[in-house]
Amino acid sequence: MKKEYIIIIIVLIIIGLGITWQLTRNTSPIVANFEQCVAAGYPTQESYPERCTTPDGKTFTQDIGNELEKSDLIVLETPRPGQVISSPVVIKGKARGNWYFEASFPARLIDANGQVLGIMPIQSSGEWMTTEFVPFTSTMDFTISSTKTGTLILQKDNPSGLPEHDDELRIPVIFNTFDQNAGDKISIKVFFGNSAQGAECEKVTSVIREVPKIATIGGSSLEELLKGPTSAEQSQGFSTALNTGVKVKSLTISSGTARVDFSSELNKSVAGSCRVGAIRAQIEETLKQFPTVQNVIISINGKTENILEP
């Protein structure tokens, strides 16, 4: 009898070990990308970009944006692909002289949803009238992100506005300032024309928008302005004089003056003093709501002359 009990116990132990092994095998970490593969402790290959391989043979490659494709045009020293960044972030590297125009080129930082977190011109640290590499160093302030990852975009300055001359370096980054609750918002004003309140050319009226709370929110305000009035706002008579497709290339605020540079779409097929006045009023009033802005200088592809003329 005792033998039978011993045999039963041994069988139960074997079955238990088998079940434990099966459960352990089925609870291996779920891996869907390079970061999860590395976090799971799986081996990486010493290559660039790095590659990580799971025990079942799946290989995941580190996302480095288009760095290798653009390496003969622009090289970024910091931040590096996949680097954890917080505001302000130092942007340092070198670019060919023809990547600049008037010693600068535009840069912007977006989150995983495409929301612009920061925008500014990057200044050269040397003579840019050359085809050789010219160093640059700038510091960008940006808002807290509602997503964990984003992309730093360094654009080739394109004063012609022709799409065939566009180019950009895209570098993926991780935000140390990631806001998991994404609930820290602030109310801003965006200015539009309103037919229900009179047809004066330069008369604009504000609507309220909610944007992430940041130290400098002028860029977010302009992004809201370029979106135009919502359907609900249109039903209340609000309209915009700005063309669709307009992009903010850079925005700087210093000594009470905001300098904002737009893409060529701002000036496309614009005619008449009334519309020109409305465009300027919308942009200026949207920026002048902030106490740090008393004057606004508008440019298109770096030019302030012969733009937005009747």
C-alpha atoms as a PDB file:
ATOM      1  CA  MET A   1       0.000   0.000   0.000  1.00  0.00           C
ATOM      2  CA  LYS A   2       2.798   2.334   0.940  1.00  0.00           C
ATOM      3  CA  LYS A   3       4.421   1.689  -2.439  1.00  0.00           C
ATOM      4  CA  GLU A   4       1.221   2.732  -4.210  1.00  0.00           C
ATOM      5  CA  TYR A   5       1.098   5.990  -2.222  1.00  0.00           C
ATOM      6  CA  ILE A   6       4.720   6.707  -3.066  1.00  0.00           C
ATOM      7  CA  ILE A   7       4.094   6.067  -6.760  1.00  0.00           C
ATOM      8  CA  ILE A   8       1.029   8.355  -6.717  1.00  0.00           C
ATOM      9  CA  ILE A   9       3.004  11.108  -4.991  1.00  0.00           C
ATOM     10  CA  ILE A  10       5.826  10.813  -7.519  1.00  0.00           C
ATOM     11  CA  VAL A  11       3.352  10.984 -10.416  1.00  0.00           C
ATOM     12  CA  LEU A  12       1.690  14.060  -8.918  1.00  0.00           C
ATOM     13  CA  ILE A  13       5.074  15.755  -8.476  1.00  0.00           C
ATOM     14  CA  ILE A  14       5.988  15.046 -12.118  1.00  0.00           C
ATOM     15  CA  ILE A  15       2.617  16.388 -13.294  1.00  0.00           C
ATOM     16  CA  GLY A  16       3.084  19.491 -11.125  1.00  0.00           C
ATOM     17  CA  LEU A  17       6.552  20.133 -12.523  1.00  0.00           C
ATOM     18  CA  GLY A  18       5.197  19.730 -16.049  1.00  0.00           C
ATOM     19  CA  ILE A  19       2.401  22.198 -15.413  1.00  0.00           C
ATOM     20  CA  THR A  20       4.837  24.681 -13.841  1.00  0.00           C
ATOM     21  CA  TRP A  21       7.186  24.398 -16.836  1.00  0.00           C
ATOM     22  CA  GLN A  22       4.296  24.947 -19.249  1.00  0.00           C
ATOM     23  CA  LEU A  23       3.038  27.995 -17.363  1.00  0.00           C
ATOM     24  CA  THR A  24       6.541  29.435 -17.192  1.00  0.00           C
ATOM     25  CA  ARG A  25       7.027  28.929 -20.908  1.00  0.00           C
ATOM     26  CA  ASN A  26       3.710  30.622 -21.688  1.00  0.00           C
ATOM     27  CA  THR A  27       4.389  33.671 -19.509  1.00  0.00           C
ATOM     28  CA  SER A  28       7.484  34.855 -21.349  1.00  0.00           C
ATOM     29  CA  PRO A  29       7.520  38.651 -21.784  1.00  0.00           C
ATOM     30  CA  ILE A  30       5.455  39.897 -24.704  1.00  0.00           C
ATOM     31  CA  VAL A  31       7.817  41.641 -27.088  1.00  0.00           C
ATOM     32  CA  ALA A  32       6.558  43.855 -29.935  1.00  0.00           C
ATOM     33  CA  ASN A  33       9.444  46.277 -30.470  1.00  0.00           C
ATOM     34  CA  PHE A  34      13.139  46.885 -29.861  1.00  0.00           C
ATOM     35  CA  GLU A  35      12.673  48.640 -26.507  1.00  0.00           C
ATOM     36  CA  GLN A  36      10.554  45.788 -25.100  1.00  0.00           C
ATOM     37  CA  CYS A  37      13.097  43.259 -26.367  1.00  0.00           C
ATOM     38  CA  VAL A  38      15.942  45.045 -24.561  1.00  0.00           C
ATOM     39  CA  ALA A  39      13.837  45.514 -21.409  1.00  0.00           C
ATOM     40  CA  ALA A  40      13.164  41.750 -21.378  1.00  0.00           C
ATOM     41  CA  GLY A  41      16.908  41.168 -21.184  1.00  0.00           C
ATOM     42  CA  TYR A  42      17.344  39.533 -24.571  1.00  0.00           C
ATOM     43  CA  PRO A  43      20.727  39.893 -26.317  1.00  0.00           C
ATOM     44  CA  THR A  44      21.535  42.763 -28.694  1.00  0.00           C
ATOM     45  CA  GLN A  45      23.950  42.757 -31.603  1.00  0.00           C
ATOM     46  CA  GLU A  46      26.806  45.263 -31.638  1.00  0.00           C
ATOM     47  CA  SER A  47      25.702  47.085 -34.784  1.00  0.00           C
ATOM     48  CA  TYR A  48      24.235  50.438 -35.704  1.00  0.00           C
ATOM     49  CA  PRO A  49      21.337  50.488 -35.491  1.00  0.00           C
ATOM     50  CA  GLU A  50      21.312  47.838 -32.764  1.00  0.00           C
ATOM     51  CA  ARG A  51      19.257  44.657 -33.176  1.00  0.00           C
ATOM     52  CA  CYS A  52      17.669  42.586 -30.424  1.00  0.00           C
ATOM     53  CA  THR A  53      16.658  38.939 -30.868  1.00  0.00           C
ATOM     54  CA  THR A  54      14.112  36.965 -28.806  1.00  0.00           C
ATOM     55  CA  PRO A  55      14.500  33.252 -27.975  1.00  0.00           C
ATOM     56  CA  ASP A  56      11.914  32.357 -30.631  1.00  0.00           C
ATOM     57  CA  GLY A  57      14.033  34.020 -33.321  1.00  0.00           C
ATOM     58  CA  LYS A  58      12.244  37.356 -33.751  1.00  0.00           C
ATOM     59  CA  THR A  59      14.564  40.302 -34.432  1.00  0.00           C
ATOM     60  CA  PHE A  60      13.759  43.932 -33.670  1.00  0.00           C
ATOM     61  CA  THR A  61      15.803  46.905 -34.917  1.00  0.00           C
ATOM     62  CA  GLN A  62      16.378  50.127 -33.005  1.00  0.00           C
ATOM     63  CA  ASP A  63      14.559  53.126 -34.496  1.00  0.00           C
ATOM     64  CA  ILE A  64      17.126  55.808 -35.368  1.00  0.00           C
ATOM     65  CA  GLY A  65      14.913  57.833 -37.694  1.00  0.00           C
ATOM     66  CA  ASN A  66      16.570  58.727 -40.990  1.00  0.00           C
ATOM     67  CA  GLU A  67      19.961  59.534 -39.465  1.00  0.00           C
ATOM     68  CA  LEU A  68      21.967  57.250 -41.752  1.00  0.00           C
ATOM     69  CA  GLU A  69      20.263  58.577 -44.897  1.00  0.00           C
ATOM     70  CA  LYS A  70      21.124  62.195 -44.005  1.00  0.00           C
ATOM     71  CA  SER A  71      24.591  61.640 -42.520  1.00  0.00           C
ATOM     72  CA  ASP A  72      26.346  63.403 -45.415  1.00  0.00           C
ATOM     73  CA  LEU A  73      24.152  66.489 -44.956  1.00  0.00           C
ATOM     74  CA  ILE A  74      23.567  66.876 -41.219  1.00  0.00           C
ATOM     75  CA  VAL A  75      24.935  65.109 -38.134  1.00  0.00           C
ATOM     76  CA  LEU A  76      23.339  65.373 -34.693  1.00  0.00           C
ATOM     77  CA  GLU A  77      25.605  64.996 -31.662  1.00  0.00           C
ATOM     78  CA  THR A  78      22.863  65.469 -29.101  1.00  0.00           C
ATOM     79  CA  PRO A  79      20.175  64.357 -28.545  1.00  0.00           C
ATOM     80  CA  ARG A  80      20.868  60.897 -29.931  1.00  0.00           C
ATOM     81  CA  PRO A  81      18.147  58.548 -31.272  1.00  0.00           C
ATOM     82  CA  GLY A  82      16.175  57.070 -28.373  1.00  0.00           C
ATOM     83  CA  GLN A  83      17.701  59.488 -25.847  1.00  0.00           C
ATOM     84  CA  VAL A  84      15.583  60.535 -22.867  1.00  0.00           C
ATOM     85  CA  ILE A  85      15.183  64.318 -22.927  1.00  0.00           C
ATOM     86  CA  SER A  86      13.636  66.984 -20.727  1.00  0.00           C
ATOM     87  CA  SER A  87      13.035  70.692 -21.227  1.00  0.00           C
ATOM     88  CA  PRO A  88      15.154  72.578 -22.093  1.00  0.00           C
ATOM     89  CA  VAL A  89      17.027  70.272 -24.463  1.00  0.00           C
ATOM     90  CA  VAL A  90      20.398  71.137 -26.000  1.00  0.00           C
ATOM     91  CA  ILE A  91      20.491  70.542 -29.769  1.00  0.00           C
ATOM     92  CA  LYS A  92      24.052  70.242 -31.002  1.00  0.00           C
ATOM     93  CA  GLY A  93      25.665  68.980 -34.192  1.00  0.00           C
ATOM     94  CA  LYS A  94      26.866  70.066 -37.608  1.00  0.00           C
ATOM     95  CA  ALA A  95      25.272  70.589 -41.030  1.00  0.00           C
ATOM     96  CA  ARG A  96      26.431  71.458 -44.505  1.00  0.00           C
ATOM     97  CA  GLY A  97      26.414  75.186 -45.215  1.00  0.00           C
ATOM     98  CA  ASN A  98      23.618  74.800 -47.758  1.00  0.00           C
ATOM     99  CA  TRP A  99      21.361  73.335 -45.034  1.00  0.00           C
ATOM    100  CA  TYR A 100      21.222  76.850 -43.556  1.00  0.00           C
ATOM    101  CA  PHE A 101      19.816  80.118 -44.860  1.00  0.00           C
ATOM    102  CA  GLU A 102      20.944  83.361 -43.254  1.00  0.00           C
ATOM    103  CA  ALA A 103      22.878  81.237 -40.723  1.00  0.00           C
ATOM    104  CA  SER A 104      19.874  79.279 -39.399  1.00  0.00           C
ATOM    105  CA  PHE A 105      17.411  76.510 -40.122  1.00  0.00           C
ATOM    106  CA  PRO A 106      14.066  75.627 -38.478  1.00  0.00           C
ATOM    107  CA  ALA A 107      13.578  72.893 -35.900  1.00  0.00           C
ATOM    108  CA  ARG A 108      10.519  71.551 -34.142  1.00  0.00           C
ATOM    109  CA  LEU A 109       9.751  68.861 -31.591  1.00  0.00           C
ATOM    110  CA  ILE A 110       6.536  66.857 -31.887  1.00  0.00           C
ATOM    111  CA  ASP A 111       4.979  64.131 -29.773  1.00  0.00           C
ATOM    112  CA  ALA A 112       3.652  60.779 -30.987  1.00  0.00           C
ATOM    113  CA  ASN A 113       0.313  62.418 -31.859  1.00  0.00           C
ATOM    114  CA  GLY A 114       1.937  65.101 -34.017  1.00  0.00           C
ATOM    115  CA  GLN A 115       1.367  67.851 -31.439  1.00  0.00           C
ATOM    116  CA  VAL A 116       4.063  70.538 -31.671  1.00  0.00           C
ATOM    117  CA  LEU A 117       5.826  70.822 -28.293  1.00  0.00           C
ATOM    118  CA  GLY A 118       8.571  73.256 -29.270  1.00  0.00           C
ATOM    119  CA  ILE A 119       9.658  75.240 -32.306  1.00  0.00           C
ATOM    120  CA  MET A 120      12.648  77.516 -32.943  1.00  0.00           C
ATOM    121  CA  PRO A 121      15.419  78.389 -35.422  1.00  0.00           C
ATOM    122  CA  ILE A 122      18.778  76.639 -34.951  1.00  0.00           C
ATOM    123  CA  GLN A 123      21.681  79.058 -35.315  1.00  0.00           C
ATOM    124  CA  SER A 124      25.036  78.202 -36.889  1.00  0.00           C
ATOM    125  CA  SER A 125      28.160  78.597 -34.771  1.00  0.00           C
ATOM    126  CA  GLY A 126      30.361  79.469 -37.737  1.00  0.00           C
ATOM    127  CA  GLU A 127      30.459  80.854 -41.266  1.00  0.00           C
ATOM    128  CA  TRP A 128      27.616  79.191 -43.159  1.00  0.00           C
ATOM    129  CA  MET A 129      28.477  80.350 -46.693  1.00  0.00           C
ATOM    130  CA  THR A 130      30.211  77.082 -47.550  1.00  0.00           C
ATOM    131  CA  THR A 131      29.433  73.526 -48.630  1.00  0.00           C
ATOM    132  CA  GLU A 132      31.460  72.125 -45.725  1.00  0.00           C
ATOM    133  CA  PHE A 133      30.023  71.120 -42.355  1.00  0.00           C
ATOM    134  CA  VAL A 134      29.215  74.045 -40.032  1.00  0.00           C
ATOM    135  CA  PRO A 135      28.574  73.449 -36.285  1.00  0.00           C
ATOM    136  CA  PHE A 136      25.379  74.504 -34.514  1.00  0.00           C
ATOM    137  CA  THR A 137      24.243  74.639 -30.885  1.00  0.00           C
ATOM    138  CA  SER A 138      20.858  75.809 -29.592  1.00  0.00           C
ATOM    139  CA  THR A 139      18.623  75.183 -26.593  1.00  0.00           C
ATOM    140  CA  MET A 140      14.916  74.470 -27.036  1.00  0.00           C
ATOM    141  CA  ASP A 141      12.205  74.806 -24.404  1.00  0.00           C
ATOM    142  CA  PHE A 142       9.255  72.510 -24.903  1.00  0.00           C
ATOM    143  CA  THR A 143       5.970  71.601 -23.272  1.00  0.00           C
ATOM    144  CA  ILE A 144       5.210  68.506 -21.215  1.00  0.00           C
ATOM    145  CA  SER A 145       4.105  65.723 -23.540  1.00  0.00           C
ATOM    146  CA  SER A 146       1.021  63.542 -23.206  1.00  0.00           C
ATOM    147  CA  THR A 147       2.899  60.764 -25.018  1.00  0.00           C
ATOM    148  CA  LYS A 148       6.075  58.988 -23.974  1.00  0.00           C
ATOM    149  CA  THR A 149       7.866  59.303 -27.306  1.00  0.00           C
ATOM    150  CA  GLY A 150       8.294  61.978 -29.959  1.00  0.00           C
ATOM    151  CA  THR A 151      10.423  63.177 -32.856  1.00  0.00           C
ATOM    152  CA  LEU A 152      12.935  65.995 -33.202  1.00  0.00           C
ATOM    153  CA  ILE A 153      12.780  67.401 -36.745  1.00  0.00           C
ATOM    154  CA  LEU A 154      15.631  69.510 -38.130  1.00  0.00           C
ATOM    155  CA  GLN A 155      14.520  71.016 -41.437  1.00  0.00           C
ATOM    156  CA  LYS A 156      16.697  72.259 -44.232  1.00  0.00           C
ATOM    157  CA  ASP A 157      15.919  75.941 -44.649  1.00  0.00           C
ATOM    158  CA  ASN A 158      14.110  76.389 -47.938  1.00  0.00           C
ATOM    159  CA  PRO A 159      13.678  80.089 -48.809  1.00  0.00           C
ATOM    160  CA  SER A 160      12.321  79.162 -52.263  1.00  0.00           C
ATOM    161  CA  GLY A 161       9.322  77.404 -50.748  1.00  0.00           C
ATOM    162  CA  LEU A 162       9.510  74.784 -53.510  1.00  0.00           C
ATOM    163  CA  PRO A 163       8.732  71.279 -52.199  1.00  0.00           C
ATOM    164  CA  GLU A 164      11.515  69.695 -54.272  1.00  0.00           C
ATOM    165  CA  HIS A 165      14.027  71.593 -52.134  1.00  0.00           C
ATOM    166  CA  ASP A 166      12.568  70.369 -48.819  1.00  0.00           C
ATOM    167  CA  ASP A 167      14.629  68.060 -46.630  1.00  0.00           C
ATOM    168  CA  GLU A 168      14.715  67.116 -42.952  1.00  0.00           C
ATOM    169  CA  LEU A 169      16.425  64.986 -40.332  1.00  0.00           C
ATOM    170  CA  ARG A 170      14.040  63.084 -38.041  1.00  0.00           C
ATOM    171  CA  ILE A 171      15.324  61.727 -34.721  1.00  0.00           C
ATOM    172  CA  PRO A 172      13.119  59.703 -32.303  1.00  0.00           C
ATOM    173  CA  VAL A 173      13.348  60.720 -28.638  1.00  0.00           C
ATOM    174  CA  ILE A 174      11.823  59.700 -25.300  1.00  0.00           C
ATOM    175  CA  PHE A 175      10.354  62.301 -22.953  1.00  0.00           C
ATOM    176  CA  ASN A 176      11.445  62.459 -19.335  1.00  0.00           C
ATOM    177  CA  THR A 177       8.625  64.978 -18.870  1.00  0.00           C
ATOM    178  CA  PHE A 178       5.965  62.482 -20.030  1.00  0.00           C
ATOM    179  CA  ASP A 179       2.629  63.423 -18.433  1.00  0.00           C
ATOM    180  CA  GLN A 180       0.712  60.201 -17.848  1.00  0.00           C
ATOM    181  CA  ASN A 181      -2.397  62.068 -16.753  1.00  0.00           C
ATOM    182  CA  ALA A 182      -2.195  64.618 -19.579  1.00  0.00           C
ATOM    183  CA  GLY A 183      -4.540  66.771 -17.567  1.00  0.00           C
ATOM    184  CA  ASP A 184      -2.433  69.884 -17.017  1.00  0.00           C
ATOM    185  CA  LYS A 185      -4.125  72.336 -19.390  1.00  0.00           C
ATOM    186  CA  ILE A 186      -4.355  76.092 -19.784  1.00  0.00           C
ATOM    187  CA  SER A 187      -6.839  78.305 -21.609  1.00  0.00           C
ATOM    188  CA  ILE A 188      -5.559  80.552 -24.397  1.00  0.00           C
ATOM    189  CA  LYS A 189      -7.163  82.897 -26.898  1.00  0.00           C
ATOM    190  CA  VAL A 190      -7.145  82.463 -30.673  1.00  0.00           C
ATOM    191  CA  PHE A 191      -8.384  85.339 -32.838  1.00  0.00           C
ATOM    192  CA  PHE A 192     -10.649  85.068 -35.892  1.00  0.00           C
ATOM    193  CA  GLY A 193     -12.915  87.322 -37.868  1.00  0.00           C
ATOM    194  CA  ASN A 194     -16.627  87.156 -37.094  1.00  0.00           C
ATOM    195  CA  SER A 195     -19.296  88.213 -39.592  1.00  0.00           C
ATOM    196  CA  ALA A 196     -21.895  88.420 -36.825  1.00  0.00           C
ATOM    197  CA  GLN A 197     -19.897  91.147 -35.093  1.00  0.00           C
ATOM    198  CA  GLY A 198     -19.216  93.412 -38.041  1.00  0.00           C
ATOM    199  CA  ALA A 199     -17.299  93.241 -41.301  1.00  0.00           C
ATOM    200  CA  GLU A 200     -14.361  95.482 -40.392  1.00  0.00           C
ATOM    201  CA  CYS A 201     -11.209  94.105 -42.013  1.00  0.00           C
ATOM    202  CA  GLU A 202      -8.914  94.209 -39.008  1.00  0.00           C
ATOM    203  CA  LYS A 203     -11.531  93.509 -36.367  1.00  0.00           C
ATOM    204  CA  VAL A 204     -10.925  90.114 -34.803  1.00  0.00           C
ATOM    205  CA  THR A 205     -12.609  88.311 -31.930  1.00  0.00           C
ATOM    206  CA  SER A 206     -11.161  85.666 -29.635  1.00  0.00           C
ATOM    207  CA  VAL A 207     -12.264  82.102 -28.998  1.00  0.00           C
ATOM    208  CA  ILE A 208     -10.954  79.987 -26.121  1.00  0.00           C
ATOM    209  CA  ARG A 209      -8.850  76.866 -26.685  1.00  0.00           C
ATOM    210  CA  GLU A 210      -7.371  74.417 -24.176  1.00  0.00           C
ATOM    211  CA  VAL A 211      -3.696  73.536 -24.688  1.00  0.00           C
ATOM    212  CA  PRO A 212      -1.032  71.831 -22.521  1.00  0.00           C
ATOM    213  CA  LYS A 213       0.311  74.145 -19.821  1.00  0.00           C
ATOM    214  CA  ILE A 214       3.851  75.244 -20.682  1.00  0.00           C
ATOM    215  CA  ALA A 215       6.297  78.016 -19.900  1.00  0.00           C
ATOM    216  CA  THR A 216       6.089  79.520 -23.389  1.00  0.00           C
ATOM    217  CA  ILE A 217       2.873  78.782 -25.225  1.00  0.00           C
ATOM    218  CA  GLY A 218       3.133  81.145 -28.193  1.00  0.00           C
ATOM    219  CA  GLY A 219       3.873  78.242 -30.557  1.00  0.00           C
ATOM    220  CA  SER A 220       0.838  76.271 -29.357  1.00  0.00           C
ATOM    221  CA  SER A 221      -1.353  79.350 -29.822  1.00  0.00           C
ATOM    222  CA  LEU A 222      -0.231  79.746 -33.422  1.00  0.00           C
ATOM    223  CA  GLU A 223      -0.839  76.051 -34.092  1.00  0.00           C
ATOM    224  CA  GLU A 224      -4.412  76.488 -32.819  1.00  0.00           C
ATOM    225  CA  LEU A 225      -4.801  79.586 -34.994  1.00  0.00           C
ATOM    226  CA  LEU A 226      -3.697  77.683 -38.110  1.00  0.00           C
ATOM    227  CA  LYS A 227      -6.273  74.968 -37.440  1.00  0.00           C
ATOM    228  CA  GLY A 228      -8.985  77.549 -38.139  1.00  0.00           C
ATOM    229  CA  PRO A 229     -12.366  77.789 -36.446  1.00  0.00           C
ATOM    230  CA  THR A 230     -14.154  74.605 -35.421  1.00  0.00           C
ATOM    231  CA  SER A 231     -17.557  73.676 -36.881  1.00  0.00           C
ATOM    232  CA  ALA A 232     -19.243  75.040 -33.782  1.00  0.00           C
ATOM    233  CA  GLU A 233     -17.317  78.304 -34.067  1.00  0.00           C
ATOM    234  CA  GLN A 234     -18.154  78.604 -37.769  1.00  0.00           C
ATOM    235  CA  SER A 235     -21.841  78.284 -36.925  1.00  0.00           C
ATOM    236  CA  GLN A 236     -21.368  81.329 -34.686  1.00  0.00           C
ATOM    237  CA  GLY A 237     -19.945  83.383 -37.562  1.00  0.00           C
ATOM    238  CA  PHE A 238     -16.214  82.868 -36.988  1.00  0.00           C
ATOM    239  CA  SER A 239     -13.909  82.614 -40.031  1.00  0.00           C
ATOM    240  CA  THR A 240     -10.212  82.856 -40.820  1.00  0.00           C
ATOM    241  CA  ALA A 241      -8.375  84.864 -43.457  1.00  0.00           C
ATOM    242  CA  LEU A 242      -5.372  82.496 -43.366  1.00  0.00           C
ATOM    243  CA  ASN A 243      -4.839  79.920 -46.086  1.00  0.00           C
ATOM    244  CA  THR A 244      -4.905  76.213 -45.330  1.00  0.00           C
ATOM    245  CA  GLY A 245      -1.585  74.396 -45.231  1.00  0.00           C
ATOM    246  CA  VAL A 246       0.326  77.262 -43.591  1.00  0.00           C
ATOM    247  CA  LYS A 247       3.130  76.115 -41.267  1.00  0.00           C
ATOM    248  CA  VAL A 248       5.095  77.946 -38.576  1.00  0.00           C
ATOM    249  CA  LYS A 249       8.783  77.583 -39.420  1.00  0.00           C
ATOM    250  CA  SER A 250      10.122  79.385 -36.353  1.00  0.00           C
ATOM    251  CA  LEU A 251       9.061  81.576 -33.450  1.00  0.00           C
ATOM    252  CA  THR A 252      11.305  83.581 -31.133  1.00  0.00           C
ATOM    253  CA  ILE A 253      10.318  86.052 -28.433  1.00  0.00           C
ATOM    254  CA  SER A 254      12.942  88.479 -27.170  1.00  0.00           C
ATOM    255  CA  SER A 255      12.817  91.931 -25.561  1.00  0.00           C
ATOM    256  CA  GLY A 256       9.068  92.172 -26.083  1.00  0.00           C
ATOM    257  CA  THR A 257       9.183  91.335 -29.808  1.00  0.00           C
ATOM    258  CA  ALA A 258       7.875  88.098 -31.303  1.00  0.00           C
ATOM    259  CA  ARG A 259       9.420  87.125 -34.626  1.00  0.00           C
ATOM    260  CA  VAL A 260       7.406  84.472 -36.424  1.00  0.00           C
ATOM    261  CA  ASP A 261       8.387  82.928 -39.743  1.00  0.00           C
ATOM    262  CA  PHE A 262       5.765  81.152 -41.863  1.00  0.00           C
ATOM    263  CA  SER A 263       5.859  78.898 -44.896  1.00  0.00           C
ATOM    264  CA  SER A 264       5.052  80.315 -48.338  1.00  0.00           C
ATOM    265  CA  GLU A 265       1.391  79.219 -48.120  1.00  0.00           C
ATOM    266  CA  LEU A 266       0.673  82.260 -45.927  1.00  0.00           C
ATOM    267  CA  ASN A 267       1.169  84.566 -48.918  1.00  0.00           C
ATOM    268  CA  LYS A 268      -0.352  82.355 -51.620  1.00  0.00           C
ATOM    269  CA  SER A 269      -3.018  84.135 -53.731  1.00  0.00           C
ATOM    270  CA  VAL A 270      -3.482  86.786 -51.043  1.00  0.00           C
ATOM    271  CA  ALA A 271      -4.855  90.017 -52.481  1.00  0.00           C
ATOM    272  CA  GLY A 272      -6.669  93.068 -51.177  1.00  0.00           C
ATOM    273  CA  SER A 273      -5.861  95.322 -48.256  1.00  0.00           C
ATOM    274  CA  CYS A 274      -8.826  93.987 -46.274  1.00  0.00           C
ATOM    275  CA  ARG A 275      -7.636  90.387 -46.271  1.00  0.00           C
ATOM    276  CA  VAL A 276      -4.013  91.360 -45.638  1.00  0.00           C
ATOM    277  CA  GLY A 277      -5.103  93.424 -42.638  1.00  0.00           C
ATOM    278  CA  ALA A 278      -7.201  90.534 -41.328  1.00  0.00           C
ATOM    279  CA  ILE A 279      -4.301  88.069 -41.607  1.00  0.00           C
ATOM    280  CA  ARG A 280      -1.940  90.354 -39.743  1.00  0.00           C
ATOM    281  CA  ALA A 281      -4.546  91.121 -37.071  1.00  0.00           C
ATOM    282  CA  GLN A 282      -5.240  87.436 -36.402  1.00  0.00           C
ATOM    283  CA  ILE A 283      -1.551  86.626 -35.981  1.00  0.00           C
ATOM    284  CA  GLU A 284      -0.640  89.731 -34.001  1.00  0.00           C
ATOM    285  CA  GLU A 285      -3.555  89.595 -31.552  1.00  0.00           C
ATOM    286  CA  THR A 286      -3.039  85.864 -30.941  1.00  0.00           C
ATOM    287  CA  LEU A 287       0.560  86.553 -29.896  1.00  0.00           C
ATOM    288  CA  LYS A 288      -0.039  89.865 -28.106  1.00  0.00           C
ATOM    289  CA  GLN A 289      -2.324  88.180 -25.570  1.00  0.00           C
ATOM    290  CA  PHE A 290       0.878  87.205 -23.753  1.00  0.00           C
ATOM    291  CA  PRO A 291       2.491  89.848 -21.529  1.00  0.00           C
ATOM    292  CA  THR A 292       5.958  89.104 -22.978  1.00  0.00           C
ATOM    293  CA  VAL A 293       4.860  90.249 -26.457  1.00  0.00           C
ATOM    294  CA  GLN A 294       4.330  93.906 -27.382  1.00  0.00           C
ATOM    295  CA  ASN A 295       5.379  93.774 -31.045  1.00  0.00           C
ATOM    296  CA  VAL A 296       5.107  91.127 -33.764  1.00  0.00           C
ATOM    297  CA  ILE A 297       7.329  90.798 -36.833  1.00  0.00           C
ATOM    298  CA  ILE A 298       5.966  88.467 -39.515  1.00  0.00           C
ATOM    299  CA  SER A 299       8.191  86.882 -42.161  1.00  0.00           C
ATOM    300  CA  ILE A 300       7.761  84.272 -44.870  1.00  0.00           C
ATOM    301  CA  ASN A 301      10.713  81.980 -45.533  1.00  0.00           C
ATOM    302  CA  GLY A 302      12.889  84.497 -43.698  1.00  0.00           C
ATOM    303  CA  LYS A 303      11.742  87.536 -45.711  1.00  0.00           C
ATOM    304  CA  THR A 304       9.847  90.476 -44.221  1.00  0.00           C
ATOM    305  CA  GLU A 305       9.791  92.663 -47.357  1.00  0.00           C
ATOM    306  CA  ASN A 306       7.280  92.328 -50.189  1.00  0.00           C
ATOM    307  CA  ILE A 307       5.018  89.962 -48.247  1.00  0.00           C
ATOM    308  CA  LEU A 308       1.333  90.260 -47.387  1.00  0.00           C
ATOM    309  CA  GLU A 309       0.913  93.218 -49.700  1.00  0.00           C
ATOM    310  CA  PRO A 310      -2.528  94.327 -50.939  1.00  0.00           C
END
